[in-house]
N, C-alpha and C. Protein backbone atom coordinates (compact mmCIF):
# COMPACT_ATOMS: atom_id res chain seq x y z
N UNK A 1 27.62 -3.29 -15.19
CA UNK A 1 26.76 -2.15 -14.95
C UNK A 1 26.11 -1.72 -16.24
N UNK A 2 24.85 -1.35 -16.12
CA UNK A 2 24.12 -0.84 -17.26
C UNK A 2 23.77 0.62 -16.99
N UNK A 3 24.00 1.50 -17.97
CA UNK A 3 23.72 2.93 -17.85
C UNK A 3 22.59 3.29 -18.82
N UNK A 4 21.48 3.84 -18.30
CA UNK A 4 20.34 4.22 -19.14
C UNK A 4 20.14 5.72 -19.09
N UNK A 5 20.07 6.32 -20.28
CA UNK A 5 19.85 7.76 -20.40
C UNK A 5 18.40 8.03 -20.75
N UNK A 6 18.01 9.31 -20.65
CA UNK A 6 16.62 9.72 -20.83
C UNK A 6 16.52 10.81 -21.88
N UNK A 7 15.29 11.14 -22.26
CA UNK A 7 15.07 12.26 -23.19
C UNK A 7 15.51 13.58 -22.57
N UNK A 8 15.42 13.71 -21.26
CA UNK A 8 15.95 14.86 -20.54
C UNK A 8 17.42 14.52 -20.27
N UNK A 9 18.33 15.23 -20.94
CA UNK A 9 19.76 14.92 -20.83
C UNK A 9 20.29 15.28 -19.46
N UNK A 10 21.11 14.40 -18.90
CA UNK A 10 21.76 14.65 -17.61
C UNK A 10 21.59 13.50 -16.66
N UNK A 11 20.35 13.22 -16.21
CA UNK A 11 20.16 12.09 -15.30
C UNK A 11 20.47 10.76 -15.99
N UNK A 12 20.99 9.82 -15.22
CA UNK A 12 21.33 8.50 -15.74
C UNK A 12 20.94 7.46 -14.71
N UNK A 13 20.20 6.43 -15.14
CA UNK A 13 19.91 5.30 -14.27
C UNK A 13 21.06 4.31 -14.40
N UNK A 14 21.56 3.85 -13.26
CA UNK A 14 22.67 2.91 -13.23
C UNK A 14 22.18 1.64 -12.54
N UNK A 15 22.26 0.53 -13.26
CA UNK A 15 21.86 -0.75 -12.68
C UNK A 15 23.07 -1.66 -12.61
N UNK A 16 23.60 -1.86 -11.41
CA UNK A 16 24.74 -2.75 -11.25
C UNK A 16 24.36 -4.20 -11.55
N UNK A 17 25.32 -4.95 -12.04
CA UNK A 17 25.14 -6.38 -12.26
C UNK A 17 25.21 -7.10 -10.93
N UNK A 18 24.31 -8.05 -10.73
CA UNK A 18 24.34 -8.87 -9.52
C UNK A 18 24.78 -10.29 -9.89
N UNK A 19 25.67 -10.81 -9.09
CA UNK A 19 26.16 -12.18 -9.26
C UNK A 19 25.60 -12.97 -8.08
N UNK A 20 24.66 -13.86 -8.36
CA UNK A 20 23.98 -14.55 -7.29
C UNK A 20 24.24 -16.04 -7.24
N UNK A 21 24.00 -16.57 -6.06
CA UNK A 21 24.02 -18.02 -5.84
C UNK A 21 23.07 -18.31 -4.68
N UNK A 22 23.14 -19.51 -4.15
CA UNK A 22 22.22 -19.92 -3.09
C UNK A 22 22.32 -19.04 -1.84
N UNK A 23 23.46 -18.37 -1.64
CA UNK A 23 23.65 -17.53 -0.46
C UNK A 23 23.03 -16.15 -0.60
N UNK A 24 22.84 -15.71 -1.85
CA UNK A 24 22.36 -14.36 -2.10
C UNK A 24 23.03 -13.80 -3.34
N UNK A 25 23.58 -12.59 -3.24
CA UNK A 25 24.24 -12.00 -4.40
C UNK A 25 25.41 -11.13 -3.97
N UNK A 26 26.26 -10.79 -4.94
CA UNK A 26 27.32 -9.81 -4.81
C UNK A 26 27.16 -8.82 -5.94
N UNK A 27 27.39 -7.53 -5.65
CA UNK A 27 27.25 -6.51 -6.68
C UNK A 27 28.20 -5.36 -6.41
N UNK A 28 28.87 -4.88 -7.45
CA UNK A 28 29.64 -3.64 -7.35
C UNK A 28 28.65 -2.51 -7.58
N UNK A 29 28.37 -1.73 -6.55
CA UNK A 29 27.37 -0.66 -6.69
C UNK A 29 28.00 0.64 -7.17
N UNK A 30 29.30 0.77 -7.06
CA UNK A 30 29.99 1.95 -7.58
C UNK A 30 31.40 1.58 -7.98
N UNK A 31 31.78 2.03 -9.18
CA UNK A 31 33.15 1.90 -9.68
C UNK A 31 33.53 3.22 -10.30
N UNK A 32 34.51 3.89 -9.75
CA UNK A 32 34.90 5.21 -10.23
C UNK A 32 35.27 5.20 -11.71
N UNK A 33 35.97 4.17 -12.17
CA UNK A 33 36.39 4.15 -13.57
C UNK A 33 35.19 4.07 -14.52
N UNK A 34 34.22 3.21 -14.21
CA UNK A 34 33.02 3.08 -15.06
C UNK A 34 32.16 4.34 -14.98
N UNK A 35 31.99 4.87 -13.76
CA UNK A 35 31.20 6.08 -13.57
C UNK A 35 31.81 7.24 -14.35
N UNK A 36 33.12 7.42 -14.25
CA UNK A 36 33.81 8.50 -14.95
C UNK A 36 33.70 8.33 -16.46
N UNK A 37 33.83 7.12 -16.96
CA UNK A 37 33.74 6.87 -18.40
C UNK A 37 32.35 7.21 -18.93
N UNK A 38 31.32 6.96 -18.16
CA UNK A 38 29.94 7.18 -18.62
C UNK A 38 29.40 8.57 -18.29
N UNK A 39 29.81 9.14 -17.16
CA UNK A 39 29.19 10.36 -16.66
C UNK A 39 30.17 11.52 -16.56
N UNK A 40 31.40 11.23 -16.25
CA UNK A 40 32.41 12.27 -16.08
C UNK A 40 33.01 12.21 -14.69
N UNK A 41 34.00 13.05 -14.47
CA UNK A 41 34.71 13.11 -13.19
C UNK A 41 33.77 13.64 -12.12
N UNK A 42 33.65 12.92 -11.04
CA UNK A 42 32.86 13.34 -9.89
C UNK A 42 33.63 12.96 -8.63
N UNK A 43 33.67 13.90 -7.69
CA UNK A 43 34.33 13.66 -6.41
C UNK A 43 33.27 13.69 -5.32
N UNK A 44 32.84 12.53 -4.86
CA UNK A 44 31.83 12.48 -3.81
C UNK A 44 32.46 12.85 -2.48
N UNK A 45 31.79 13.76 -1.73
CA UNK A 45 32.36 14.28 -0.49
C UNK A 45 31.47 14.02 0.73
N UNK A 46 30.23 13.60 0.51
CA UNK A 46 29.30 13.40 1.61
C UNK A 46 28.29 12.34 1.21
N UNK A 47 27.82 11.56 2.19
CA UNK A 47 26.78 10.56 1.93
C UNK A 47 25.68 10.77 2.95
N UNK A 48 24.43 10.77 2.48
CA UNK A 48 23.26 11.02 3.32
C UNK A 48 22.32 9.83 3.27
N UNK A 49 21.54 9.66 4.32
CA UNK A 49 20.58 8.56 4.37
C UNK A 49 19.31 9.04 5.06
N UNK A 50 18.16 8.59 4.56
CA UNK A 50 16.89 8.92 5.19
C UNK A 50 16.02 7.68 5.30
N UNK A 51 15.17 7.68 6.30
CA UNK A 51 14.15 6.66 6.48
C UNK A 51 12.81 7.35 6.43
N UNK A 52 11.90 6.84 5.62
CA UNK A 52 10.53 7.35 5.58
C UNK A 52 9.63 6.19 5.97
N UNK A 53 8.94 6.34 7.09
CA UNK A 53 8.15 5.25 7.65
C UNK A 53 6.91 4.93 6.83
N UNK A 54 6.20 5.94 6.37
CA UNK A 54 4.91 5.71 5.71
C UNK A 54 5.03 5.71 4.19
N UNK A 55 4.32 4.80 3.52
CA UNK A 55 4.24 4.87 2.06
C UNK A 55 3.54 6.17 1.68
N UNK A 56 3.94 6.75 0.56
CA UNK A 56 3.34 8.00 0.10
C UNK A 56 4.04 9.23 0.62
N UNK A 57 5.11 9.06 1.40
CA UNK A 57 5.87 10.20 1.91
C UNK A 57 6.57 10.89 0.75
N UNK A 58 6.41 12.22 0.69
CA UNK A 58 7.03 13.03 -0.37
C UNK A 58 8.18 13.82 0.24
N UNK A 59 9.34 13.72 -0.37
CA UNK A 59 10.50 14.53 0.03
C UNK A 59 11.01 15.25 -1.22
N UNK A 60 10.99 16.57 -1.16
CA UNK A 60 11.51 17.36 -2.29
C UNK A 60 10.44 18.25 -2.87
N UNK A 61 10.82 18.89 -3.85
CA UNK A 61 11.97 18.77 -4.77
C UNK A 61 13.08 19.72 -4.31
N UNK A 62 14.29 19.23 -4.12
CA UNK A 62 15.38 20.00 -3.54
C UNK A 62 16.57 20.15 -4.49
N UNK A 63 17.33 21.22 -4.26
CA UNK A 63 18.60 21.44 -4.96
C UNK A 63 19.40 22.47 -4.16
N UNK A 64 20.69 22.56 -4.46
CA UNK A 64 21.53 23.61 -3.90
C UNK A 64 22.04 24.47 -5.04
N UNK A 65 22.14 25.78 -4.78
CA UNK A 65 22.57 26.74 -5.79
C UNK A 65 24.09 26.88 -5.79
N UNK A 66 24.64 27.30 -6.94
CA UNK A 66 26.08 27.57 -7.01
C UNK A 66 26.45 28.68 -6.02
N UNK A 67 27.65 28.65 -5.48
CA UNK A 67 28.74 27.75 -5.82
C UNK A 67 28.72 26.44 -5.03
N UNK A 68 27.59 26.14 -4.40
CA UNK A 68 27.48 24.92 -3.60
C UNK A 68 26.49 23.92 -4.18
N UNK A 69 26.34 23.93 -5.50
CA UNK A 69 25.44 22.98 -6.17
C UNK A 69 25.92 21.56 -5.90
N UNK A 70 24.99 20.63 -6.01
CA UNK A 70 25.32 19.22 -5.74
C UNK A 70 24.80 18.32 -6.85
N UNK A 71 25.62 17.35 -7.25
CA UNK A 71 25.16 16.21 -8.00
C UNK A 71 24.91 15.09 -7.01
N UNK A 72 23.92 14.23 -7.27
CA UNK A 72 23.56 13.17 -6.32
C UNK A 72 23.50 11.82 -7.01
N UNK A 73 24.04 10.82 -6.36
CA UNK A 73 23.89 9.44 -6.79
C UNK A 73 22.99 8.76 -5.76
N UNK A 74 21.74 8.48 -6.16
CA UNK A 74 20.67 8.07 -5.24
C UNK A 74 20.38 6.58 -5.41
N UNK A 75 20.21 5.89 -4.27
CA UNK A 75 19.74 4.51 -4.32
C UNK A 75 18.85 4.23 -3.12
N UNK A 76 18.03 3.22 -3.26
CA UNK A 76 17.09 2.83 -2.22
C UNK A 76 17.61 1.54 -1.58
N UNK A 77 17.92 1.60 -0.29
CA UNK A 77 18.50 0.46 0.41
C UNK A 77 17.45 -0.49 0.98
N UNK A 78 16.25 0.02 1.24
CA UNK A 78 15.15 -0.81 1.74
C UNK A 78 13.85 -0.26 1.15
N UNK A 79 13.00 -1.15 0.65
CA UNK A 79 11.74 -0.73 0.06
C UNK A 79 11.90 -0.22 -1.36
N UNK A 80 11.06 0.77 -1.71
CA UNK A 80 11.06 1.31 -3.07
C UNK A 80 10.58 2.75 -3.04
N UNK A 81 11.09 3.54 -4.00
CA UNK A 81 10.69 4.94 -4.15
C UNK A 81 10.44 5.27 -5.61
N UNK A 82 9.65 6.30 -5.84
CA UNK A 82 9.45 6.93 -7.14
C UNK A 82 10.37 8.14 -7.11
N UNK A 83 11.51 8.07 -7.82
CA UNK A 83 12.55 9.08 -7.74
C UNK A 83 12.45 10.02 -8.93
N UNK A 84 12.55 11.33 -8.68
CA UNK A 84 12.28 12.36 -9.70
C UNK A 84 13.43 13.34 -9.80
N UNK A 85 13.76 13.74 -11.04
CA UNK A 85 14.72 14.82 -11.31
C UNK A 85 14.06 15.79 -12.28
N UNK A 86 14.16 17.10 -11.97
CA UNK A 86 13.57 18.16 -12.81
C UNK A 86 14.68 19.07 -13.31
N UNK A 87 14.71 19.31 -14.61
CA UNK A 87 15.73 20.14 -15.25
C UNK A 87 15.49 21.62 -14.92
N UNK A 88 16.44 22.26 -14.23
CA UNK A 88 16.35 23.68 -13.87
C UNK A 88 17.36 24.53 -14.64
N UNK A 89 17.95 23.98 -15.70
CA UNK A 89 18.98 24.68 -16.45
C UNK A 89 18.34 25.57 -17.52
N UNK A 90 18.36 26.88 -17.27
CA UNK A 90 17.85 27.82 -18.27
C UNK A 90 18.61 27.58 -19.58
N UNK A 91 17.95 27.78 -20.69
CA UNK A 91 18.47 27.55 -22.04
C UNK A 91 18.61 26.08 -22.38
N UNK A 92 18.24 25.19 -21.47
CA UNK A 92 18.23 23.77 -21.80
C UNK A 92 16.99 23.49 -22.66
N UNK A 93 17.12 22.66 -23.68
CA UNK A 93 15.93 22.33 -24.49
C UNK A 93 14.87 21.58 -23.69
N UNK A 94 15.24 21.06 -22.53
CA UNK A 94 14.28 20.33 -21.69
C UNK A 94 14.03 21.05 -20.37
N UNK A 95 14.27 22.38 -20.32
CA UNK A 95 14.04 23.16 -19.10
C UNK A 95 12.63 22.91 -18.58
N UNK A 96 12.53 22.56 -17.30
CA UNK A 96 11.23 22.27 -16.68
C UNK A 96 10.77 20.84 -16.92
N UNK A 97 11.51 20.09 -17.74
CA UNK A 97 11.17 18.69 -17.99
C UNK A 97 11.61 17.83 -16.82
N UNK A 98 11.04 16.64 -16.72
CA UNK A 98 11.35 15.77 -15.59
C UNK A 98 11.46 14.33 -16.06
N UNK A 99 12.16 13.55 -15.25
CA UNK A 99 12.22 12.10 -15.44
C UNK A 99 11.93 11.47 -14.09
N UNK A 100 11.50 10.23 -14.13
CA UNK A 100 11.26 9.48 -12.90
C UNK A 100 11.68 8.04 -13.11
N UNK A 101 12.19 7.45 -12.05
CA UNK A 101 12.61 6.06 -12.05
C UNK A 101 12.17 5.44 -10.73
N UNK A 102 11.66 4.22 -10.79
CA UNK A 102 11.41 3.50 -9.54
C UNK A 102 12.72 2.88 -9.11
N UNK A 103 13.21 3.32 -7.96
CA UNK A 103 14.41 2.74 -7.36
C UNK A 103 13.96 1.81 -6.25
N UNK A 104 14.58 0.64 -6.18
CA UNK A 104 14.20 -0.30 -5.13
C UNK A 104 15.41 -1.10 -4.66
N UNK A 105 15.30 -1.57 -3.44
CA UNK A 105 16.35 -2.44 -2.90
C UNK A 105 16.41 -3.73 -3.72
N UNK A 106 15.26 -4.19 -4.15
CA UNK A 106 15.22 -5.43 -4.92
C UNK A 106 15.95 -5.30 -6.25
N UNK A 107 15.74 -4.19 -6.96
CA UNK A 107 16.39 -3.99 -8.26
C UNK A 107 17.85 -3.56 -8.11
N UNK A 108 18.16 -2.85 -7.02
CA UNK A 108 19.53 -2.38 -6.80
C UNK A 108 19.95 -1.25 -7.72
N UNK A 109 19.00 -0.64 -8.42
CA UNK A 109 19.34 0.43 -9.35
C UNK A 109 19.56 1.75 -8.62
N UNK A 110 20.19 2.70 -9.33
CA UNK A 110 20.54 4.01 -8.78
C UNK A 110 20.20 5.07 -9.81
N UNK A 111 20.09 6.32 -9.35
CA UNK A 111 19.87 7.43 -10.27
C UNK A 111 20.91 8.50 -10.03
N UNK A 112 21.63 8.87 -11.10
CA UNK A 112 22.54 10.01 -11.05
C UNK A 112 21.71 11.25 -11.39
N UNK A 113 21.70 12.22 -10.46
CA UNK A 113 21.00 13.49 -10.64
C UNK A 113 22.08 14.57 -10.66
N UNK A 114 22.40 15.12 -11.84
CA UNK A 114 23.50 16.08 -11.91
C UNK A 114 23.13 17.45 -11.35
N UNK A 115 24.14 18.27 -11.17
CA UNK A 115 23.92 19.66 -10.78
C UNK A 115 23.01 20.31 -11.83
N UNK A 116 22.16 21.21 -11.36
CA UNK A 116 21.23 21.87 -12.27
C UNK A 116 19.87 21.21 -12.31
N UNK A 117 19.65 20.21 -11.46
CA UNK A 117 18.38 19.51 -11.38
C UNK A 117 17.84 19.55 -9.95
N UNK A 118 16.52 19.69 -9.82
CA UNK A 118 15.87 19.49 -8.53
C UNK A 118 15.62 18.00 -8.38
N UNK A 119 15.66 17.52 -7.15
CA UNK A 119 15.48 16.10 -6.89
C UNK A 119 14.48 15.89 -5.77
N UNK A 120 13.67 14.86 -5.91
CA UNK A 120 12.74 14.49 -4.85
C UNK A 120 12.23 13.08 -5.08
N UNK A 121 11.48 12.58 -4.10
CA UNK A 121 10.94 11.23 -4.26
C UNK A 121 9.69 11.05 -3.43
N UNK A 122 8.95 10.00 -3.79
CA UNK A 122 7.78 9.55 -3.05
C UNK A 122 8.02 8.09 -2.71
N UNK A 123 7.81 7.75 -1.43
CA UNK A 123 8.02 6.36 -1.03
C UNK A 123 6.86 5.49 -1.49
N UNK A 124 7.18 4.32 -1.97
CA UNK A 124 6.17 3.37 -2.47
C UNK A 124 5.89 2.25 -1.49
N UNK A 125 6.73 2.14 -0.47
CA UNK A 125 6.62 1.06 0.52
C UNK A 125 6.82 1.66 1.92
N UNK A 126 6.40 0.93 2.94
CA UNK A 126 6.74 1.38 4.30
C UNK A 126 8.24 1.23 4.54
N UNK A 127 8.74 2.06 5.43
CA UNK A 127 10.14 1.98 5.88
C UNK A 127 11.15 1.99 4.73
N UNK A 128 10.95 2.92 3.82
CA UNK A 128 11.89 3.07 2.70
C UNK A 128 13.14 3.80 3.19
N UNK A 129 14.30 3.22 2.90
CA UNK A 129 15.57 3.83 3.26
C UNK A 129 16.27 4.26 1.98
N UNK A 130 16.60 5.55 1.92
CA UNK A 130 17.25 6.13 0.75
C UNK A 130 18.63 6.63 1.16
N UNK A 131 19.61 6.33 0.32
CA UNK A 131 20.98 6.74 0.56
C UNK A 131 21.48 7.45 -0.70
N UNK A 132 22.17 8.57 -0.50
CA UNK A 132 22.74 9.22 -1.68
C UNK A 132 24.06 9.89 -1.37
N UNK A 133 24.97 9.71 -2.33
CA UNK A 133 26.27 10.36 -2.30
C UNK A 133 26.12 11.70 -3.02
N UNK A 134 26.81 12.73 -2.51
CA UNK A 134 26.77 14.04 -3.16
C UNK A 134 28.19 14.53 -3.43
N UNK A 135 28.32 15.36 -4.46
CA UNK A 135 29.64 15.87 -4.83
C UNK A 135 29.88 17.29 -4.33
N UNK A 136 29.06 17.74 -3.39
CA UNK A 136 29.24 19.04 -2.75
C UNK A 136 28.68 18.96 -1.34
N UNK A 137 29.31 19.66 -0.42
CA UNK A 137 28.85 19.64 0.96
C UNK A 137 27.53 20.38 1.11
N UNK A 138 26.74 19.99 2.10
CA UNK A 138 25.51 20.70 2.42
C UNK A 138 25.86 22.13 2.83
N UNK A 139 25.12 23.08 2.27
CA UNK A 139 25.30 24.50 2.58
C UNK A 139 23.90 25.10 2.77
N UNK A 140 23.51 25.32 4.01
CA UNK A 140 22.15 25.75 4.34
C UNK A 140 21.72 27.00 3.57
N UNK A 141 22.62 27.96 3.38
CA UNK A 141 22.27 29.20 2.69
C UNK A 141 21.97 28.97 1.21
N UNK A 142 22.38 27.83 0.67
CA UNK A 142 22.17 27.53 -0.75
C UNK A 142 21.15 26.43 -0.97
N UNK A 143 20.52 25.99 0.11
CA UNK A 143 19.51 24.92 0.06
C UNK A 143 18.20 25.52 -0.43
N UNK A 144 17.72 25.07 -1.59
CA UNK A 144 16.52 25.63 -2.22
C UNK A 144 15.58 24.49 -2.63
N UNK A 145 14.44 24.87 -3.16
CA UNK A 145 13.49 23.86 -3.58
C UNK A 145 12.55 24.37 -4.65
N UNK A 146 11.76 23.45 -5.16
CA UNK A 146 10.74 23.69 -6.17
C UNK A 146 9.47 23.00 -5.70
N UNK A 147 8.33 23.63 -5.90
CA UNK A 147 7.06 23.05 -5.49
C UNK A 147 6.88 21.68 -6.14
N UNK A 148 6.63 20.69 -5.33
CA UNK A 148 6.53 19.30 -5.79
C UNK A 148 5.38 19.12 -6.79
N UNK A 149 4.33 19.95 -6.66
CA UNK A 149 3.12 19.79 -7.47
C UNK A 149 2.92 20.90 -8.49
N UNK A 150 3.99 21.58 -8.90
CA UNK A 150 3.90 22.66 -9.87
C UNK A 150 3.30 22.11 -11.18
N UNK A 151 2.15 22.64 -11.58
CA UNK A 151 1.48 22.14 -12.79
C UNK A 151 2.28 22.46 -14.05
N UNK A 152 3.13 23.49 -14.00
CA UNK A 152 3.96 23.81 -15.16
C UNK A 152 5.01 22.72 -15.40
N UNK A 153 5.41 22.02 -14.35
CA UNK A 153 6.34 20.90 -14.48
C UNK A 153 5.55 19.63 -14.76
N UNK A 154 4.50 19.38 -14.00
CA UNK A 154 3.58 18.28 -14.27
C UNK A 154 4.08 16.89 -13.94
N UNK A 155 4.86 16.75 -12.86
CA UNK A 155 5.30 15.41 -12.47
C UNK A 155 4.07 14.54 -12.21
N UNK A 156 4.04 13.37 -12.80
CA UNK A 156 2.93 12.42 -12.62
C UNK A 156 3.25 11.54 -11.41
N UNK A 157 3.05 12.11 -10.21
CA UNK A 157 3.34 11.39 -8.97
C UNK A 157 2.42 10.19 -8.82
N UNK A 158 2.85 9.17 -8.12
CA UNK A 158 1.98 8.01 -7.88
C UNK A 158 0.74 8.42 -7.08
N UNK A 159 -0.34 7.69 -7.25
CA UNK A 159 -1.60 8.01 -6.58
C UNK A 159 -1.45 8.05 -5.06
N UNK A 160 -0.54 7.29 -4.50
CA UNK A 160 -0.39 7.27 -3.04
C UNK A 160 0.40 8.45 -2.49
N UNK A 161 0.94 9.34 -3.35
CA UNK A 161 1.68 10.51 -2.88
C UNK A 161 0.78 11.34 -1.97
N UNK A 162 1.24 11.56 -0.74
CA UNK A 162 0.42 12.18 0.29
C UNK A 162 0.96 13.55 0.67
N UNK A 163 0.33 14.65 0.23
CA UNK A 163 0.80 15.99 0.56
C UNK A 163 0.87 16.26 2.07
N UNK A 164 0.13 15.50 2.86
CA UNK A 164 0.18 15.68 4.32
C UNK A 164 1.54 15.29 4.89
N UNK A 165 2.37 14.60 4.12
CA UNK A 165 3.69 14.18 4.59
C UNK A 165 4.78 15.21 4.29
N UNK A 166 4.45 16.27 3.57
CA UNK A 166 5.45 17.28 3.22
C UNK A 166 5.98 17.98 4.46
N UNK A 167 7.26 18.29 4.46
CA UNK A 167 7.86 19.07 5.54
C UNK A 167 7.35 20.51 5.45
N UNK A 168 7.51 21.26 6.52
CA UNK A 168 7.11 22.68 6.52
C UNK A 168 7.84 23.42 5.40
N UNK A 169 9.10 23.09 5.19
CA UNK A 169 9.90 23.73 4.13
C UNK A 169 9.32 23.42 2.75
N UNK A 170 8.94 22.15 2.53
CA UNK A 170 8.45 21.75 1.22
C UNK A 170 7.05 22.27 0.92
N UNK A 171 6.31 22.65 1.93
CA UNK A 171 4.97 23.20 1.73
C UNK A 171 4.99 24.59 1.09
N UNK A 172 6.12 25.28 1.20
CA UNK A 172 6.18 26.68 0.72
C UNK A 172 7.22 26.90 -0.38
N UNK A 173 7.59 25.86 -1.09
CA UNK A 173 8.57 26.01 -2.17
C UNK A 173 7.94 26.75 -3.36
N UNK A 174 8.75 27.55 -4.07
CA UNK A 174 8.22 28.32 -5.21
C UNK A 174 7.94 27.46 -6.44
N UNK A 175 7.16 28.01 -7.32
CA UNK A 175 6.88 27.41 -8.63
C UNK A 175 8.06 27.67 -9.56
N UNK A 176 8.16 26.90 -10.62
CA UNK A 176 9.23 27.05 -11.61
C UNK A 176 9.27 28.48 -12.15
N UNK A 177 8.12 29.06 -12.44
CA UNK A 177 8.05 30.41 -13.00
C UNK A 177 8.61 31.46 -12.04
N UNK A 178 8.67 31.15 -10.76
CA UNK A 178 9.15 32.10 -9.76
C UNK A 178 10.60 31.86 -9.34
N UNK A 179 11.24 30.85 -9.91
CA UNK A 179 12.64 30.57 -9.57
C UNK A 179 13.57 31.47 -10.36
N UNK A 180 14.57 32.05 -9.69
CA UNK A 180 15.62 32.76 -10.43
C UNK A 180 16.40 31.75 -11.29
N UNK A 181 17.17 32.27 -12.22
CA UNK A 181 18.00 31.40 -13.08
C UNK A 181 19.26 30.99 -12.32
N UNK A 182 19.12 30.00 -11.47
CA UNK A 182 20.27 29.52 -10.68
C UNK A 182 21.26 28.76 -11.55
N UNK A 183 20.75 28.10 -12.60
CA UNK A 183 21.60 27.27 -13.47
C UNK A 183 21.31 27.65 -14.92
N UNK A 184 22.38 27.74 -15.74
CA UNK A 184 22.21 28.03 -17.15
C UNK A 184 23.00 27.01 -17.95
N UNK A 185 22.35 26.35 -18.88
CA UNK A 185 23.02 25.35 -19.70
C UNK A 185 24.00 26.07 -20.64
N UNK A 186 25.20 25.52 -20.71
CA UNK A 186 26.20 26.08 -21.61
C UNK A 186 26.95 27.28 -21.05
N UNK A 187 26.60 27.70 -19.83
CA UNK A 187 27.28 28.87 -19.25
C UNK A 187 28.48 28.44 -18.45
């Protein structure tokens, strides 16, 4: 497994090693000992999966607030996505900063999105299937979001990102400047 860090501290891209032959490949996509050594102790309690039929589908940017915050380990099981994490930790030197990684079934890579980050993605292919493990249960009262197109954040979404695919919930998410301090770095 290869672990890649970013200028925005927290998210980590994880690319499992694939062992291939004429039949295909074998890959360990998760190992608790390696994950803990690189990222820290995490107890995954729920796994979610979504299918987005059309390329350009935008989902997010989502997060849950304490005490029901969630860290997510995201991977794309079919197709490809442009996966995004935005730093929402007040007092973080990268507050409002973002990273993006193309996750694909072909590459087999994953993105760890820790608590304190908003997460979302844009599908790059038809019929993209996304699966993610979370370390906290879904709690509707703590389910929040950030406007996907907030100019103060400035995510450089792919040209095919289609705002017409946004859910009703995602159409009305607040801007970064209007978010309360749900997360504070070092607190």
